[in-house]
Amino acid sequence: MQIILASQSPRRQELLKEIFPTFDIMPQDVNENEHDEDPTKLVEKLALKKLNNLDQKYKDALIISADTIVWLNGKLFGKPHTIENAIDILKQLSGTTHFVYTGVCIAYKGQKHVFYDESRIHFRELGEDEILKYVNEKKPLDKAGAYGIQDGDMVKGYEGSYSNIVGLPVEKLKEELKKLGVIA
């Protein structure tokens, strides 16, 4: 069976290898500018959108698409567009407890199965110099919320799935794949 990951995220690719050692990578170019009052509905909508009809082209494949956002007090933080935007996002997240939501869409045997996972992140207070150093040394422009939990010590704690925070909730994905009979 052909397995396709509809994502260019290197972190999602690494995480999916925990379930499938080999798969094809077919990122889809979609407009991620969606808004919703409910972050869970938003990430599910974006994951479905990122499928981008791949299921019509590859009818016999298992296709996985996903989208991750950071959510704080009703405000969405996706990927920053500029370094200045990344700095602003990190300043806003400093010292907060916020949420990371990842929506996942599995297309398999003519069906689309969509779900989400939620994690709560406790950020410590970040100094201006620390934010500038992070932004200059890491690559915050391809990460929701302008940070990666794996990139340092900004996160003082979290509740929920670590892999969800990185960008693909591996534990929940395995559960869903078992329900669909894809894995044992």
C-alpha atoms as a PDB file:
ATOM      1  CA  MET A   1       0.000   0.000   0.000  1.00  0.00           C
ATOM      2  CA  GLN A   2       1.273   3.448  -0.895  1.00  0.00           C
ATOM      3  CA  ILE A   3       1.478   5.825   2.051  1.00  0.00           C
ATOM      4  CA  ILE A   4       1.547   9.573   1.414  1.00  0.00           C
ATOM      5  CA  LEU A   5       2.281  12.390   3.815  1.00  0.00           C
ATOM      6  CA  ALA A   6       0.802  15.621   2.454  1.00  0.00           C
ATOM      7  CA  SER A   7       3.259  17.834   4.331  1.00  0.00           C
ATOM      8  CA  GLN A   8       6.690  19.314   3.806  1.00  0.00           C
ATOM      9  CA  SER A   9       7.334  19.625   7.551  1.00  0.00           C
ATOM     10  CA  PRO A  10      10.577  17.818   8.423  1.00  0.00           C
ATOM     11  CA  ARG A  11       9.249  17.338  11.958  1.00  0.00           C
ATOM     12  CA  ARG A  12       6.072  15.606  10.724  1.00  0.00           C
ATOM     13  CA  GLN A  13       8.183  13.425   8.465  1.00  0.00           C
ATOM     14  CA  GLU A  14      10.352  12.307  11.396  1.00  0.00           C
ATOM     15  CA  LEU A  15       7.303  11.641  13.573  1.00  0.00           C
ATOM     16  CA  LEU A  16       5.505   9.611  10.897  1.00  0.00           C
ATOM     17  CA  LYS A  17       8.598   7.364  10.626  1.00  0.00           C
ATOM     18  CA  GLU A  18       7.664   6.122  14.122  1.00  0.00           C
ATOM     19  CA  ILE A  19       4.665   4.418  12.456  1.00  0.00           C
ATOM     20  CA  PHE A  20       5.732   3.899   8.829  1.00  0.00           C
ATOM     21  CA  PRO A  21       9.442   3.603   7.972  1.00  0.00           C
ATOM     22  CA  THR A  22       8.859   4.653   4.347  1.00  0.00           C
ATOM     23  CA  PHE A  23       6.289   6.874   2.685  1.00  0.00           C
ATOM     24  CA  ASP A  24       5.997   9.393  -0.109  1.00  0.00           C
ATOM     25  CA  ILE A  25       6.058  13.107   0.652  1.00  0.00           C
ATOM     26  CA  MET A  26       3.627  15.191  -1.397  1.00  0.00           C
ATOM     27  CA  PRO A  27       3.165  18.609   0.184  1.00  0.00           C
ATOM     28  CA  GLN A  28       0.158  20.520  -1.101  1.00  0.00           C
ATOM     29  CA  ASP A  29       0.248  24.234  -1.691  1.00  0.00           C
ATOM     30  CA  VAL A  30      -2.912  25.554  -0.050  1.00  0.00           C
ATOM     31  CA  ASN A  31      -3.944  28.863   1.413  1.00  0.00           C
ATOM     32  CA  GLU A  32      -3.872  28.415   5.190  1.00  0.00           C
ATOM     33  CA  ASN A  33      -5.715  31.687   5.858  1.00  0.00           C
ATOM     34  CA  GLU A  34      -8.758  30.271   7.590  1.00  0.00           C
ATOM     35  CA  HIS A  35     -10.445  31.559  10.701  1.00  0.00           C
ATOM     36  CA  ASP A  36     -12.824  29.995  13.174  1.00  0.00           C
ATOM     37  CA  GLU A  37     -13.867  30.799  16.727  1.00  0.00           C
ATOM     38  CA  ASP A  38     -13.203  27.175  17.631  1.00  0.00           C
ATOM     39  CA  PRO A  39      -9.555  26.107  17.255  1.00  0.00           C
ATOM     40  CA  THR A  40     -10.513  22.420  17.068  1.00  0.00           C
ATOM     41  CA  LYS A  41     -12.780  23.015  14.073  1.00  0.00           C
ATOM     42  CA  LEU A  42     -10.137  25.239  12.494  1.00  0.00           C
ATOM     43  CA  VAL A  43      -7.320  22.652  12.587  1.00  0.00           C
ATOM     44  CA  GLU A  44      -9.645  19.943  11.299  1.00  0.00           C
ATOM     45  CA  LYS A  45     -10.745  22.226   8.445  1.00  0.00           C
ATOM     46  CA  LEU A  46      -7.109  23.027   7.595  1.00  0.00           C
ATOM     47  CA  ALA A  47      -6.044  19.358   7.707  1.00  0.00           C
ATOM     48  CA  LEU A  48      -8.873  18.482   5.337  1.00  0.00           C
ATOM     49  CA  LYS A  49      -7.959  21.395   3.059  1.00  0.00           C
ATOM     50  CA  LYS A  50      -4.321  20.212   2.949  1.00  0.00           C
ATOM     51  CA  LEU A  51      -5.490  16.877   1.549  1.00  0.00           C
ATOM     52  CA  ASN A  52      -6.203  18.976  -1.585  1.00  0.00           C
ATOM     53  CA  ASN A  53      -7.842  16.160  -3.582  1.00  0.00           C
ATOM     54  CA  LEU A  54      -4.811  13.874  -3.328  1.00  0.00           C
ATOM     55  CA  ASP A  55      -7.305  11.158  -2.408  1.00  0.00           C
ATOM     56  CA  GLN A  56      -8.855  11.526  -5.883  1.00  0.00           C
ATOM     57  CA  LYS A  57      -5.487  11.087  -7.625  1.00  0.00           C
ATOM     58  CA  TYR A  58      -4.243   8.241  -5.388  1.00  0.00           C
ATOM     59  CA  LYS A  59      -7.414   6.265  -4.633  1.00  0.00           C
ATOM     60  CA  ASP A  60      -5.603   3.193  -3.264  1.00  0.00           C
ATOM     61  CA  ALA A  61      -3.183   5.092  -1.028  1.00  0.00           C
ATOM     62  CA  LEU A  62      -3.291   5.940   2.642  1.00  0.00           C
ATOM     63  CA  ILE A  63      -2.884   9.713   2.806  1.00  0.00           C
ATOM     64  CA  ILE A  64      -2.189  11.745   5.936  1.00  0.00           C
ATOM     65  CA  SER A  65      -2.374  15.526   6.125  1.00  0.00           C
ATOM     66  CA  ALA A  66      -2.116  17.761   9.187  1.00  0.00           C
ATOM     67  CA  ASP A  67      -2.054  21.323  10.427  1.00  0.00           C
ATOM     68  CA  THR A  68      -0.870  22.753  13.751  1.00  0.00           C
ATOM     69  CA  ILE A  69      -1.731  26.050  15.414  1.00  0.00           C
ATOM     70  CA  VAL A  70      -0.953  27.771  18.694  1.00  0.00           C
ATOM     71  CA  TRP A  71      -3.941  29.314  20.512  1.00  0.00           C
ATOM     72  CA  LEU A  72      -3.855  31.884  23.309  1.00  0.00           C
ATOM     73  CA  ASN A  73      -6.927  33.647  24.727  1.00  0.00           C
ATOM     74  CA  GLY A  74      -8.951  33.299  21.540  1.00  0.00           C
ATOM     75  CA  LYS A  75      -6.075  34.363  19.298  1.00  0.00           C
ATOM     76  CA  LEU A  76      -4.545  32.155  16.624  1.00  0.00           C
ATOM     77  CA  PHE A  77      -0.781  32.000  16.104  1.00  0.00           C
ATOM     78  CA  GLY A  78       0.236  30.219  12.933  1.00  0.00           C
ATOM     79  CA  LYS A  79       3.590  30.396  11.209  1.00  0.00           C
ATOM     80  CA  PRO A  80       5.129  33.876  11.369  1.00  0.00           C
ATOM     81  CA  HIS A  81       5.561  35.701   8.059  1.00  0.00           C
ATOM     82  CA  THR A  82       8.652  37.682   9.048  1.00  0.00           C
ATOM     83  CA  ILE A  83      11.367  37.695  11.712  1.00  0.00           C
ATOM     84  CA  GLU A  84       9.688  40.750  13.267  1.00  0.00           C
ATOM     85  CA  ASN A  85       6.392  38.825  13.401  1.00  0.00           C
ATOM     86  CA  ALA A  86       8.196  35.882  15.071  1.00  0.00           C
ATOM     87  CA  ILE A  87       9.643  38.216  17.721  1.00  0.00           C
ATOM     88  CA  ASP A  88       6.206  39.704  18.385  1.00  0.00           C
ATOM     89  CA  ILE A  89       4.605  36.252  18.708  1.00  0.00           C
ATOM     90  CA  LEU A  90       7.262  35.060  21.170  1.00  0.00           C
ATOM     91  CA  LYS A  91       6.796  38.210  23.256  1.00  0.00           C
ATOM     92  CA  GLN A  92       3.049  37.518  23.397  1.00  0.00           C
ATOM     93  CA  LEU A  93       3.567  33.864  24.375  1.00  0.00           C
ATOM     94  CA  SER A  94       6.215  34.671  27.015  1.00  0.00           C
ATOM     95  CA  GLY A  95       5.077  33.717  30.507  1.00  0.00           C
ATOM     96  CA  THR A  96       1.747  32.285  29.323  1.00  0.00           C
ATOM     97  CA  THR A  97      -0.071  29.004  29.295  1.00  0.00           C
ATOM     98  CA  HIS A  98      -1.313  28.420  25.768  1.00  0.00           C
ATOM     99  CA  PHE A  99      -2.588  25.543  23.660  1.00  0.00           C
ATOM    100  CA  VAL A 100      -1.294  23.676  20.630  1.00  0.00           C
ATOM    101  CA  TYR A 101      -3.881  22.043  18.396  1.00  0.00           C
ATOM    102  CA  THR A 102      -3.093  19.692  15.536  1.00  0.00           C
ATOM    103  CA  GLY A 103      -5.756  18.564  13.113  1.00  0.00           C
ATOM    104  CA  VAL A 104      -5.156  15.375  11.144  1.00  0.00           C
ATOM    105  CA  CYS A 105      -6.947  13.990   8.100  1.00  0.00           C
ATOM    106  CA  ILE A 106      -6.575  10.362   7.069  1.00  0.00           C
ATOM    107  CA  ALA A 107      -7.854   9.492   3.598  1.00  0.00           C
ATOM    108  CA  TYR A 108      -8.221   5.746   3.149  1.00  0.00           C
ATOM    109  CA  LYS A 109     -10.429   3.517   0.993  1.00  0.00           C
ATOM    110  CA  GLY A 110     -12.612   6.378  -0.201  1.00  0.00           C
ATOM    111  CA  GLN A 111     -13.216   7.770   3.270  1.00  0.00           C
ATOM    112  CA  LYS A 112     -11.850  10.814   5.067  1.00  0.00           C
ATOM    113  CA  HIS A 113     -11.325  10.557   8.793  1.00  0.00           C
ATOM    114  CA  VAL A 114     -10.552  13.835  10.573  1.00  0.00           C
ATOM    115  CA  PHE A 115      -9.573  14.373  14.211  1.00  0.00           C
ATOM    116  CA  TYR A 116      -7.538  16.710  16.403  1.00  0.00           C
ATOM    117  CA  ASP A 117      -5.346  16.620  19.474  1.00  0.00           C
ATOM    118  CA  GLU A 118      -4.755  19.308  22.092  1.00  0.00           C
ATOM    119  CA  SER A 119      -1.785  20.014  24.347  1.00  0.00           C
ATOM    120  CA  ARG A 120      -1.299  22.722  26.963  1.00  0.00           C
ATOM    121  CA  ILE A 121       2.069  24.485  27.114  1.00  0.00           C
ATOM    122  CA  HIS A 122       3.504  26.502  29.999  1.00  0.00           C
ATOM    123  CA  PHE A 123       6.041  29.042  28.699  1.00  0.00           C
ATOM    124  CA  ARG A 124       8.479  30.673  31.040  1.00  0.00           C
ATOM    125  CA  GLU A 125       9.148  34.417  30.926  1.00  0.00           C
ATOM    126  CA  LEU A 126      11.458  35.199  28.035  1.00  0.00           C
ATOM    127  CA  GLY A 127      13.819  38.148  27.969  1.00  0.00           C
ATOM    128  CA  GLU A 128      14.218  40.311  24.880  1.00  0.00           C
ATOM    129  CA  ASP A 129      17.815  39.149  24.299  1.00  0.00           C
ATOM    130  CA  GLU A 130      16.750  35.525  24.650  1.00  0.00           C
ATOM    131  CA  ILE A 131      13.982  35.991  22.062  1.00  0.00           C
ATOM    132  CA  LEU A 132      16.378  37.674  19.621  1.00  0.00           C
ATOM    133  CA  LYS A 133      18.959  34.920  20.082  1.00  0.00           C
ATOM    134  CA  TYR A 134      16.324  32.227  19.514  1.00  0.00           C
ATOM    135  CA  VAL A 135      14.978  33.905  16.384  1.00  0.00           C
ATOM    136  CA  ASN A 136      18.491  34.332  14.968  1.00  0.00           C
ATOM    137  CA  GLU A 137      19.690  30.782  15.739  1.00  0.00           C
ATOM    138  CA  LYS A 138      16.577  28.687  15.099  1.00  0.00           C
ATOM    139  CA  LYS A 139      14.201  28.708  12.161  1.00  0.00           C
ATOM    140  CA  PRO A 140      10.959  30.086  13.601  1.00  0.00           C
ATOM    141  CA  LEU A 141       9.303  30.964  10.276  1.00  0.00           C
ATOM    142  CA  ASP A 142       8.138  27.404   9.575  1.00  0.00           C
ATOM    143  CA  LYS A 143       6.726  26.754  13.045  1.00  0.00           C
ATOM    144  CA  ALA A 144       3.294  27.563  14.410  1.00  0.00           C
ATOM    145  CA  GLY A 145       3.730  30.027  17.255  1.00  0.00           C
ATOM    146  CA  ALA A 146       7.287  30.811  16.058  1.00  0.00           C
ATOM    147  CA  TYR A 147       8.857  28.115  18.230  1.00  0.00           C
ATOM    148  CA  GLY A 148       9.598  24.424  18.439  1.00  0.00           C
ATOM    149  CA  ILE A 149       9.379  22.681  21.812  1.00  0.00           C
ATOM    150  CA  GLN A 150      12.438  20.675  20.734  1.00  0.00           C
ATOM    151  CA  ASP A 151      14.488  23.855  20.148  1.00  0.00           C
ATOM    152  CA  GLY A 152      15.407  24.898  23.655  1.00  0.00           C
ATOM    153  CA  ASP A 153      14.182  25.543  27.159  1.00  0.00           C
ATOM    154  CA  MET A 154      11.396  28.105  26.633  1.00  0.00           C
ATOM    155  CA  VAL A 155       8.792  25.556  27.682  1.00  0.00           C
ATOM    156  CA  LYS A 156       8.779  24.962  31.433  1.00  0.00           C
ATOM    157  CA  GLY A 157       6.145  22.246  31.205  1.00  0.00           C
ATOM    158  CA  TYR A 158       3.308  20.806  29.168  1.00  0.00           C
ATOM    159  CA  GLU A 159       0.268  18.569  29.422  1.00  0.00           C
ATOM    160  CA  GLY A 160      -0.737  16.247  26.615  1.00  0.00           C
ATOM    161  CA  SER A 161       1.161  14.773  23.723  1.00  0.00           C
ATOM    162  CA  TYR A 162       4.717  15.947  23.073  1.00  0.00           C
ATOM    163  CA  SER A 163       4.507  14.788  19.450  1.00  0.00           C
ATOM    164  CA  ASN A 164       1.323  16.848  19.032  1.00  0.00           C
ATOM    165  CA  ILE A 165       3.269  19.948  20.084  1.00  0.00           C
ATOM    166  CA  VAL A 166       5.990  19.083  17.561  1.00  0.00           C
ATOM    167  CA  GLY A 167       3.350  18.752  14.812  1.00  0.00           C
ATOM    168  CA  LEU A 168       1.820  15.259  14.580  1.00  0.00           C
ATOM    169  CA  PRO A 169       0.037  13.489  17.467  1.00  0.00           C
ATOM    170  CA  VAL A 170       1.628  10.069  16.944  1.00  0.00           C
ATOM    171  CA  GLU A 171      -0.215   8.309  19.796  1.00  0.00           C
ATOM    172  CA  LYS A 172      -3.639   9.435  18.629  1.00  0.00           C
ATOM    173  CA  LEU A 173      -2.760   8.803  14.974  1.00  0.00           C
ATOM    174  CA  LYS A 174      -1.823   5.200  15.854  1.00  0.00           C
ATOM    175  CA  GLU A 175      -5.176   4.756  17.642  1.00  0.00           C
ATOM    176  CA  GLU A 176      -7.070   6.052  14.619  1.00  0.00           C
ATOM    177  CA  LEU A 177      -5.065   3.900  12.196  1.00  0.00           C
ATOM    178  CA  LYS A 178      -5.856   0.828  14.352  1.00  0.00           C
ATOM    179  CA  LYS A 179      -9.583   1.679  14.255  1.00  0.00           C
ATOM    180  CA  LEU A 180      -9.370   1.862  10.456  1.00  0.00           C
ATOM    181  CA  GLY A 181      -7.563  -1.516  10.328  1.00  0.00           C
ATOM    182  CA  VAL A 182      -4.422  -0.037   8.763  1.00  0.00           C
ATOM    183  CA  ILE A 183      -2.082  -1.160  11.548  1.00  0.00           C
ATOM    184  CA  ALA A 184      -2.412  -3.893  14.175  1.00  0.00           C
END
